[in-house]
């Protein structure tokens, strides 16, 4: 029954869901109109807030783009590709294909969001090539669905932001070590419970008919490997570009720096993770030319994010300046008790993420409002921050913004996978809500 529902729902979404950039612009217009309606005497303030906020998160945007690109470049290292190809051979039946794709992607999302994009794309493609009876859109949805686990992973933007010295809420909540957020036992419980229930749900969605195989959907496209082949170094200039020594040396320097930093007591943050994955990519690609060309190649998948991120930053600015964000959070706080505060925080975060899908930007909006309220109620601010992070990740299955890189790699459109993702969001929302209520 669930497979039939998934199939019909997917067809409905394919008919009515517009392009992600169209969604970003529509969201901007809707929030702008609401902001103007709430402030009819001050339209200038709303328009100015949008323009001023458009570039507010450039630094964070760059951090997230680097997080994605360094992970994708590392994932394209030849031995990782070969390893994923061997893993893909383990899936003999369709249900095994969806389960294996999800579990491999979940493991990668725990390590690094950018790494997971390419790992998910590669494993989905390799499994699809070997299993003609697997539904390729559901395979890709299985890979992308693991994005909800990003909140509890080692590259969680909110968890890493509040662990960074000098973050904008340091005077209110202090610097929160990752041992209290992404490495806390409650985070691991939520993480593994989601893996378990989502795995079952994916297996139950296995379609019995209307199978769209990889070769059927991608038959008119050429394979575009992320790894760029080396040229033959027949000049001194090309020798410098393609000698393995330089890449391994500078990559080794970055790896040594990371080891020294951690041995000196430094906690995880976005900057150290980006440097570490950049260094690993340089070390394993070895030649600077190979690394640079692969890095440029993966950038094609990131361009939609770079284009749309400022629009969502503008939406966050309107939510803040118009009072709409304050109204939403105040309404939640007014009915919440210490026992339900983080549950409401999770729901509100999920709703705001649909309007503005940026963990860092969302934290900039919600953090200054919710952390003081949490402290006043006697709620642990670290758990409130994680409730925001889980809510942000939850509705990534509804808001297609973060699906764009993996879709660019596999050659599908958001309409092909979002029907399945929206259905998955229901089980994620229920399971996480129950766990947050009892654990937070």
Protein backbone atom coordinates (compact mmCIF):
# COMPACT_ATOMS: atom_id res chain seq x y z
CA UNK A 1 0.00 0.00 0.00
CA UNK A 2 2.78 2.42 0.90
CA UNK A 3 4.53 1.84 -2.41
CA UNK A 4 1.28 2.73 -4.26
CA UNK A 5 0.85 5.88 -2.16
CA UNK A 6 4.47 6.86 -2.83
CA UNK A 7 4.03 6.34 -6.56
CA UNK A 8 0.86 8.44 -6.76
CA UNK A 9 2.25 11.15 -4.53
CA UNK A 10 5.44 11.32 -6.61
CA UNK A 11 3.37 11.83 -9.78
CA UNK A 12 1.40 14.61 -8.07
CA UNK A 13 4.58 16.39 -7.02
CA UNK A 14 6.08 16.04 -10.50
CA UNK A 15 3.05 17.83 -11.90
CA UNK A 16 2.92 20.79 -9.54
CA UNK A 17 6.39 21.37 -7.99
CA UNK A 18 8.27 24.22 -9.72
CA UNK A 19 12.03 24.70 -10.01
CA UNK A 20 13.97 25.42 -6.79
CA UNK A 21 14.91 28.95 -7.92
CA UNK A 22 11.25 29.66 -8.63
CA UNK A 23 10.44 28.47 -5.11
CA UNK A 24 13.09 30.83 -3.66
CA UNK A 25 11.61 33.81 -5.49
CA UNK A 26 8.01 32.85 -4.59
CA UNK A 27 9.02 32.52 -0.92
CA UNK A 28 10.62 35.97 -1.11
CA UNK A 29 7.46 37.52 -2.55
CA UNK A 30 5.18 35.81 -0.02
CA UNK A 31 7.26 36.81 3.02
CA UNK A 32 7.68 40.32 1.61
CA UNK A 33 3.90 40.74 1.23
CA UNK A 34 3.29 39.44 4.77
CA UNK A 35 5.96 41.80 6.10
CA UNK A 36 4.36 44.76 4.31
CA UNK A 37 0.91 43.78 5.61
CA UNK A 38 2.25 43.69 9.17
CA UNK A 39 3.98 47.05 8.74
CA UNK A 40 1.76 49.04 6.33
CA UNK A 41 3.11 52.39 7.54
CA UNK A 42 6.77 51.42 7.08
CA UNK A 43 7.19 49.79 3.66
CA UNK A 44 10.62 51.39 3.28
CA UNK A 45 11.90 49.50 6.31
CA UNK A 46 10.86 46.14 4.85
CA UNK A 47 12.39 46.78 1.44
CA UNK A 48 15.58 48.10 3.00
CA UNK A 49 15.80 45.09 5.31
CA UNK A 50 15.58 42.76 2.33
CA UNK A 51 18.35 44.57 0.45
CA UNK A 52 20.59 44.91 3.50
CA UNK A 53 20.07 41.28 4.48
CA UNK A 54 20.73 39.98 0.96
CA UNK A 55 24.49 39.81 1.59
CA UNK A 56 24.46 39.32 5.37
CA UNK A 57 25.59 35.70 5.32
CA UNK A 58 28.35 35.88 2.74
CA UNK A 59 30.96 34.57 5.20
CA UNK A 60 28.74 31.69 6.30
CA UNK A 61 27.78 31.01 2.67
CA UNK A 62 31.46 30.69 1.83
CA UNK A 63 32.00 28.32 4.75
CA UNK A 64 29.11 26.10 3.65
CA UNK A 65 30.16 26.16 -0.01
CA UNK A 66 33.69 25.14 1.00
CA UNK A 67 32.25 22.45 3.26
CA UNK A 68 30.37 21.04 0.29
CA UNK A 69 33.13 21.45 -2.31
CA UNK A 70 35.97 20.08 -0.20
CA UNK A 71 33.84 17.07 0.69
CA UNK A 72 32.82 16.49 -2.93
CA UNK A 73 36.42 16.82 -4.13
CA UNK A 74 37.59 14.33 -1.51
CA UNK A 75 34.82 11.90 -2.48
CA UNK A 76 36.07 11.92 -6.09
CA UNK A 77 39.48 10.50 -5.10
CA UNK A 78 39.93 7.31 -7.20
CA UNK A 79 40.25 4.84 -4.33
CA UNK A 80 36.99 6.13 -2.77
CA UNK A 81 35.22 5.68 -6.11
CA UNK A 82 36.54 2.12 -6.39
CA UNK A 83 35.49 1.33 -2.83
CA UNK A 84 31.96 2.58 -3.43
CA UNK A 85 31.75 0.55 -6.63
CA UNK A 86 32.60 -2.61 -4.69
CA UNK A 87 30.02 -1.78 -2.01
CA UNK A 88 27.38 -1.29 -4.74
CA UNK A 89 27.86 -4.92 -5.77
CA UNK A 90 26.36 -6.05 -2.44
CA UNK A 91 22.83 -4.99 -3.48
CA UNK A 92 21.20 -7.92 -5.31
CA UNK A 93 17.50 -7.07 -4.84
CA UNK A 94 15.64 -3.75 -5.22
CA UNK A 95 14.90 -3.36 -1.49
CA UNK A 96 18.57 -4.01 -0.74
CA UNK A 97 19.49 -1.30 -3.23
CA UNK A 98 17.43 1.38 -1.48
CA UNK A 99 18.57 0.29 1.98
CA UNK A 100 22.25 0.15 1.04
CA UNK A 101 22.11 3.55 -0.68
CA UNK A 102 20.54 5.11 2.41
CA UNK A 103 22.95 3.51 4.89
CA UNK A 104 26.06 4.44 2.93
CA UNK A 105 24.79 8.00 2.53
CA UNK A 106 23.88 8.18 6.23
CA UNK A 107 27.44 7.21 7.15
CA UNK A 108 28.81 9.87 4.83
CA UNK A 109 26.43 12.55 6.13
CA UNK A 110 27.65 11.86 9.63
CA UNK A 111 31.22 12.60 8.55
CA UNK A 112 30.72 15.54 6.18
CA UNK A 113 27.76 16.98 4.31
CA UNK A 114 29.76 17.73 1.15
CA UNK A 115 31.32 14.28 1.13
CA UNK A 116 27.86 12.75 1.42
CA UNK A 117 26.56 14.48 -1.71
CA UNK A 118 29.05 12.73 -3.99
CA UNK A 119 29.10 9.48 -2.01
CA UNK A 120 25.31 9.32 -2.29
CA UNK A 121 25.38 10.13 -6.00
CA UNK A 122 28.09 7.56 -6.75
CA UNK A 123 26.52 4.73 -4.77
CA UNK A 124 23.06 5.43 -6.28
CA UNK A 125 24.47 5.42 -9.81
CA UNK A 126 26.59 2.30 -9.34
CA UNK A 127 23.76 0.34 -7.76
CA UNK A 128 21.32 1.50 -10.46
CA UNK A 129 23.66 0.38 -13.24
CA UNK A 130 23.75 -3.13 -11.77
CA UNK A 131 20.04 -3.38 -10.98
CA UNK A 132 17.74 -2.65 -13.89
CA UNK A 133 14.68 -3.27 -11.71
CA UNK A 134 15.45 -0.48 -9.24
CA UNK A 135 13.58 2.81 -9.45
CA UNK A 136 16.34 5.40 -9.91
CA UNK A 137 14.41 8.39 -8.48
CA UNK A 138 13.77 6.44 -5.27
CA UNK A 139 17.45 5.47 -5.12
CA UNK A 140 18.45 9.14 -5.32
CA UNK A 141 15.75 10.03 -2.78
CA UNK A 142 17.23 7.36 -0.49
CA UNK A 143 20.63 9.00 -0.80
CA UNK A 144 19.32 12.53 -0.21
CA UNK A 145 16.97 11.50 2.61
CA UNK A 146 20.00 10.95 4.84
CA UNK A 147 20.40 14.74 4.89
CA UNK A 148 18.17 14.82 8.00
CA UNK A 149 21.05 13.14 9.86
CA UNK A 150 23.36 16.05 9.08
CA UNK A 151 22.11 17.85 12.21
CA UNK A 152 23.72 15.23 14.44
CA UNK A 153 26.85 14.78 12.34
CA UNK A 154 30.36 16.13 12.63
CA UNK A 155 29.68 18.99 10.20
CA UNK A 156 26.46 20.22 11.88
CA UNK A 157 26.48 23.96 11.19
CA UNK A 158 24.67 24.98 14.40
CA UNK A 159 26.59 22.57 16.64
CA UNK A 160 29.90 23.77 15.21
CA UNK A 161 28.92 27.46 15.24
CA UNK A 162 28.20 27.57 18.98
CA UNK A 163 31.43 25.65 19.62
CA UNK A 164 33.43 28.40 17.91
CA UNK A 165 35.02 31.12 20.03
CA UNK A 166 33.51 34.52 19.31
CA UNK A 167 30.17 33.28 17.96
CA UNK A 168 27.47 35.96 18.11
CA UNK A 169 25.63 34.46 21.14
CA UNK A 170 28.73 33.78 23.22
CA UNK A 171 27.81 36.45 25.80
CA UNK A 172 24.37 34.89 26.27
CA UNK A 173 25.10 31.15 26.26
CA UNK A 174 28.89 30.92 26.24
CA UNK A 175 30.88 28.57 24.01
CA UNK A 176 29.14 25.16 24.02
CA UNK A 177 31.53 22.24 23.40
CA UNK A 178 30.46 19.59 20.92
CA UNK A 179 30.38 17.05 23.77
CA UNK A 180 27.11 18.74 24.80
CA UNK A 181 25.62 18.91 21.32
CA UNK A 182 26.62 16.63 18.43
CA UNK A 183 28.51 14.15 20.63
CA UNK A 184 25.93 14.03 23.41
CA UNK A 185 24.25 10.60 24.02
CA UNK A 186 20.81 12.05 23.21
CA UNK A 187 22.05 13.04 19.75
CA UNK A 188 23.29 9.52 19.07
CA UNK A 189 19.93 8.07 20.16
CA UNK A 190 17.99 10.34 17.80
CA UNK A 191 20.47 9.66 14.99
CA UNK A 192 20.25 5.86 15.16
CA UNK A 193 16.49 5.81 15.72
CA UNK A 194 16.02 7.86 12.57
CA UNK A 195 18.33 5.51 10.65
CA UNK A 196 16.25 2.52 11.81
CA UNK A 197 12.77 3.91 11.07
CA UNK A 198 13.73 5.59 7.79
CA UNK A 199 15.29 2.32 6.59
CA UNK A 200 12.04 0.47 7.19
CA UNK A 201 10.01 3.21 5.51
CA UNK A 202 12.24 3.16 2.41
CA UNK A 203 11.93 -0.61 2.09
CA UNK A 204 8.13 -0.35 2.34
CA UNK A 205 8.11 2.27 -0.46
CA UNK A 206 9.79 -0.13 -2.90
CA UNK A 207 7.71 0.25 -6.10
CA UNK A 208 6.24 -2.78 -7.84
CA UNK A 209 5.49 -1.04 -11.14
CA UNK A 210 6.30 2.14 -13.10
CA UNK A 211 9.99 1.41 -12.60
CA UNK A 212 12.23 4.10 -14.10
CA UNK A 213 15.69 2.60 -14.39
CA UNK A 214 18.92 4.57 -14.52
CA UNK A 215 19.50 3.82 -18.18
CA UNK A 216 15.95 4.83 -19.09
CA UNK A 217 16.25 8.24 -17.41
CA UNK A 218 19.89 9.04 -18.23
CA UNK A 219 20.18 7.39 -21.65
CA UNK A 220 20.54 10.71 -23.48
CA UNK A 221 23.14 12.10 -21.10
CA UNK A 222 26.85 11.52 -21.22
CA UNK A 223 28.61 10.29 -18.12
CA UNK A 224 30.34 13.25 -16.49
CA UNK A 225 32.83 11.89 -13.94
CA UNK A 226 33.74 14.32 -11.19
CA UNK A 227 37.33 13.19 -11.32
CA UNK A 228 39.29 14.96 -14.09
CA UNK A 229 41.97 12.87 -15.79
CA UNK A 230 45.58 14.03 -15.65
CA UNK A 231 47.40 15.35 -18.67
CA UNK A 232 50.80 14.01 -19.64
CA UNK A 233 53.43 16.32 -18.08
CA UNK A 234 55.68 17.05 -21.06
CA UNK A 235 56.84 20.54 -20.00
CA UNK A 236 58.34 21.92 -16.74
CA UNK A 237 55.14 23.88 -16.10
CA UNK A 238 52.95 20.76 -16.46
CA UNK A 239 55.41 18.77 -14.35
CA UNK A 240 54.89 21.24 -11.50
CA UNK A 241 51.14 20.96 -11.93
CA UNK A 242 51.05 17.17 -11.94
CA UNK A 243 53.91 16.06 -9.74
CA UNK A 244 52.41 14.25 -6.72
CA UNK A 245 54.92 15.81 -4.36
CA UNK A 246 53.45 19.31 -4.05
CA UNK A 247 49.90 18.18 -3.33
CA UNK A 248 51.04 15.66 -0.75
CA UNK A 249 53.35 18.20 0.92
CA UNK A 250 50.79 20.99 1.30
CA UNK A 251 48.06 18.49 2.17
CA UNK A 252 50.35 17.00 4.79
CA UNK A 253 50.95 20.45 6.27
CA UNK A 254 47.20 20.94 6.71
CA UNK A 255 46.77 17.48 8.24
CA UNK A 256 49.62 18.12 10.71
CA UNK A 257 48.07 21.48 11.63
CA UNK A 258 44.74 19.76 12.30
CA UNK A 259 46.39 17.13 14.53
CA UNK A 260 48.25 19.84 16.47
CA UNK A 261 45.04 21.84 16.89
CA UNK A 262 43.06 18.89 18.25
CA UNK A 263 45.90 17.74 20.50
CA UNK A 264 45.97 21.29 21.90
CA UNK A 265 42.30 21.02 22.90
CA UNK A 266 40.63 22.77 19.95
CA UNK A 267 37.02 21.74 19.44
CA UNK A 268 35.40 21.00 16.08
CA UNK A 269 34.22 24.04 14.11
CA UNK A 270 33.47 24.86 10.48
CA UNK A 271 36.91 26.33 9.77
CA UNK A 272 38.93 23.38 11.05
CA UNK A 273 36.70 20.85 9.27
CA UNK A 274 37.01 22.74 5.97
CA UNK A 275 40.79 22.91 6.32
CA UNK A 276 41.00 19.22 7.20
CA UNK A 277 38.95 18.06 4.22
CA UNK A 278 40.77 20.45 1.90
CA UNK A 279 44.07 18.99 3.14
CA UNK A 280 42.87 15.40 2.76
CA UNK A 281 41.75 16.14 -0.80
CA UNK A 282 45.11 17.66 -1.69
CA UNK A 283 46.98 14.76 -0.12
CA UNK A 284 44.99 11.99 -1.81
CA UNK A 285 44.62 13.69 -5.20
CA UNK A 286 48.37 14.31 -4.88
CA UNK A 287 48.92 16.61 -7.87
CA UNK A 288 47.81 20.24 -7.64
CA UNK A 289 46.54 20.19 -11.23
CA UNK A 290 44.39 17.12 -10.60
CA UNK A 291 42.95 18.66 -7.42
CA UNK A 292 42.28 22.08 -8.99
CA UNK A 293 40.51 20.64 -12.02
CA UNK A 294 38.37 18.31 -9.92
CA UNK A 295 37.55 21.20 -7.56
CA UNK A 296 36.46 23.32 -10.52
CA UNK A 297 34.40 20.43 -11.90
CA UNK A 298 32.42 19.92 -8.69
CA UNK A 299 31.73 23.66 -8.51
CA UNK A 300 29.16 23.20 -11.29
CA UNK A 301 26.95 21.40 -8.80
CA UNK A 302 27.21 24.25 -6.27
CA UNK A 303 26.16 27.17 -8.49
CA UNK A 304 22.41 26.86 -7.68
CA UNK A 305 23.19 27.21 -3.96
CA UNK A 306 25.36 30.27 -4.51
CA UNK A 307 22.60 31.85 -6.61
CA UNK A 308 19.77 31.17 -4.15
CA UNK A 309 21.47 31.60 -0.78
CA UNK A 310 21.29 35.45 -0.83
CA UNK A 311 17.54 35.30 -1.56
CA UNK A 312 17.00 33.21 1.57
CA UNK A 313 19.25 35.57 3.53
CA UNK A 314 16.91 38.36 2.41
CA UNK A 315 13.91 36.34 3.62
CA UNK A 316 15.53 35.91 7.04
CA UNK A 317 16.11 39.67 7.20
CA UNK A 318 12.42 40.33 6.42
CA UNK A 319 11.33 37.81 9.06
CA UNK A 320 13.46 39.66 11.58
CA UNK A 321 12.67 43.26 10.66
CA UNK A 322 8.93 42.78 10.07
CA UNK A 323 8.36 41.13 13.42
CA UNK A 324 7.01 37.98 11.75
CA UNK A 325 9.82 35.83 13.14
CA UNK A 326 9.34 37.33 16.60
CA UNK A 327 5.58 36.71 16.35
CA UNK A 328 6.07 33.03 15.46
CA UNK A 329 8.58 32.40 18.25
CA UNK A 330 6.68 34.44 20.85
CA UNK A 331 3.53 32.47 20.06
CA UNK A 332 5.44 29.24 20.61
CA UNK A 333 7.04 30.46 23.83
CA UNK A 334 3.70 31.60 25.26
CA UNK A 335 2.23 28.08 25.18
CA UNK A 336 5.42 26.13 25.96
CA UNK A 337 6.46 24.79 29.35
CA UNK A 338 9.99 23.73 30.34
CA UNK A 339 9.05 20.17 29.31
CA UNK A 340 7.68 21.14 25.88
CA UNK A 341 9.85 24.16 25.00
CA UNK A 342 12.34 22.20 22.86
CA UNK A 343 9.56 20.24 21.16
CA UNK A 344 7.92 23.50 20.08
CA UNK A 345 11.36 24.80 19.12
CA UNK A 346 11.77 21.79 16.82
CA UNK A 347 8.41 22.40 15.12
CA UNK A 348 9.00 26.14 14.71
CA UNK A 349 12.47 25.49 13.34
CA UNK A 350 11.04 23.08 10.78
CA UNK A 351 8.50 25.68 9.65
CA UNK A 352 11.03 28.51 9.40
CA UNK A 353 13.41 26.26 7.47
CA UNK A 354 10.81 25.95 4.71
CA UNK A 355 10.90 29.74 4.35
CA UNK A 356 14.67 30.07 4.75
CA UNK A 357 16.66 26.83 4.43
CA UNK A 358 19.91 27.83 6.10
CA UNK A 359 20.97 26.36 9.41
CA UNK A 360 23.31 29.26 10.15
CA UNK A 361 20.88 31.92 8.98
CA UNK A 362 18.04 30.30 10.84
CA UNK A 363 20.16 30.18 13.99
CA UNK A 364 20.90 33.90 13.55
CA UNK A 365 17.13 34.51 13.56
CA UNK A 366 16.00 32.01 16.20
CA UNK A 367 19.01 31.93 18.50
CA UNK A 368 18.76 35.49 19.90
CA UNK A 369 15.03 34.97 20.56
CA UNK A 370 14.93 31.40 21.83
CA UNK A 371 18.10 31.05 23.87
CA UNK A 372 17.17 33.81 26.38
CA UNK A 373 13.68 32.29 26.64
CA UNK A 374 15.19 28.83 27.21
CA UNK A 375 17.50 30.13 29.93
CA UNK A 376 14.61 31.94 31.60
CA UNK A 377 12.61 28.68 31.66
CA UNK A 378 15.60 26.73 32.96
CA UNK A 379 16.03 24.78 29.71
CA UNK A 380 19.53 23.70 28.67
CA UNK A 381 20.57 26.04 25.80
CA UNK A 382 22.67 23.29 24.22
CA UNK A 383 19.57 21.12 23.82
CA UNK A 384 17.59 24.08 22.46
CA UNK A 385 20.30 24.64 19.86
CA UNK A 386 20.11 20.98 18.84
CA UNK A 387 16.30 21.15 18.66
CA UNK A 388 16.73 24.00 16.17
CA UNK A 389 19.29 21.93 14.25
CA UNK A 390 17.04 18.85 14.07
CA UNK A 391 14.07 20.99 12.95
CA UNK A 392 16.17 22.63 10.27
CA UNK A 393 17.28 19.22 8.96
CA UNK A 394 13.77 17.72 9.15
CA UNK A 395 12.13 19.98 6.58
CA UNK A 396 15.09 19.80 4.21
CA UNK A 397 13.02 16.86 2.95
CA UNK A 398 10.27 19.33 2.04
CA UNK A 399 12.32 22.37 1.00
CA UNK A 400 14.35 21.22 -2.06
CA UNK A 401 17.21 23.75 -1.74
CA UNK A 402 19.84 21.36 -0.35
CA UNK A 403 18.92 18.61 -2.83
CA UNK A 404 20.26 20.66 -5.74
CA UNK A 405 23.92 19.50 -5.60
CA UNK A 406 23.16 15.77 -5.64
CA UNK A 407 20.51 16.26 -8.34
CA UNK A 408 23.05 18.12 -10.44
CA UNK A 409 25.47 15.21 -10.11
CA UNK A 410 22.94 12.47 -10.96
CA UNK A 411 21.10 14.40 -13.66
CA UNK A 412 17.59 14.47 -12.16
CA UNK A 413 15.15 17.28 -11.33
CA UNK A 414 13.72 17.99 -7.89
CA UNK A 415 10.31 16.83 -9.17
CA UNK A 416 11.71 13.32 -9.60
CA UNK A 417 12.50 12.75 -5.90
CA UNK A 418 10.54 15.20 -3.76
CA UNK A 419 7.37 13.11 -3.61
CA UNK A 420 9.27 10.37 -1.80
CA UNK A 421 11.14 12.87 0.37
CA UNK A 422 7.95 14.59 1.52
CA UNK A 423 6.47 11.24 2.57
CA UNK A 424 9.69 10.42 4.44
CA UNK A 425 9.44 13.74 6.25
CA UNK A 426 6.30 12.49 8.01
CA UNK A 427 8.06 9.57 9.70
CA UNK A 428 11.07 11.78 10.53
CA UNK A 429 8.81 14.40 12.11
CA UNK A 430 6.92 11.89 14.26
CA UNK A 431 9.97 9.94 15.44
CA UNK A 432 12.05 13.03 16.22
CA UNK A 433 9.18 14.79 18.00
CA UNK A 434 8.71 11.84 20.35
CA UNK A 435 12.43 11.55 21.05
CA UNK A 436 12.93 15.29 21.63
CA UNK A 437 10.02 15.34 24.09
CA UNK A 438 11.55 12.58 26.20
CA UNK A 439 15.27 13.37 25.74
CA UNK A 440 15.33 17.18 25.66
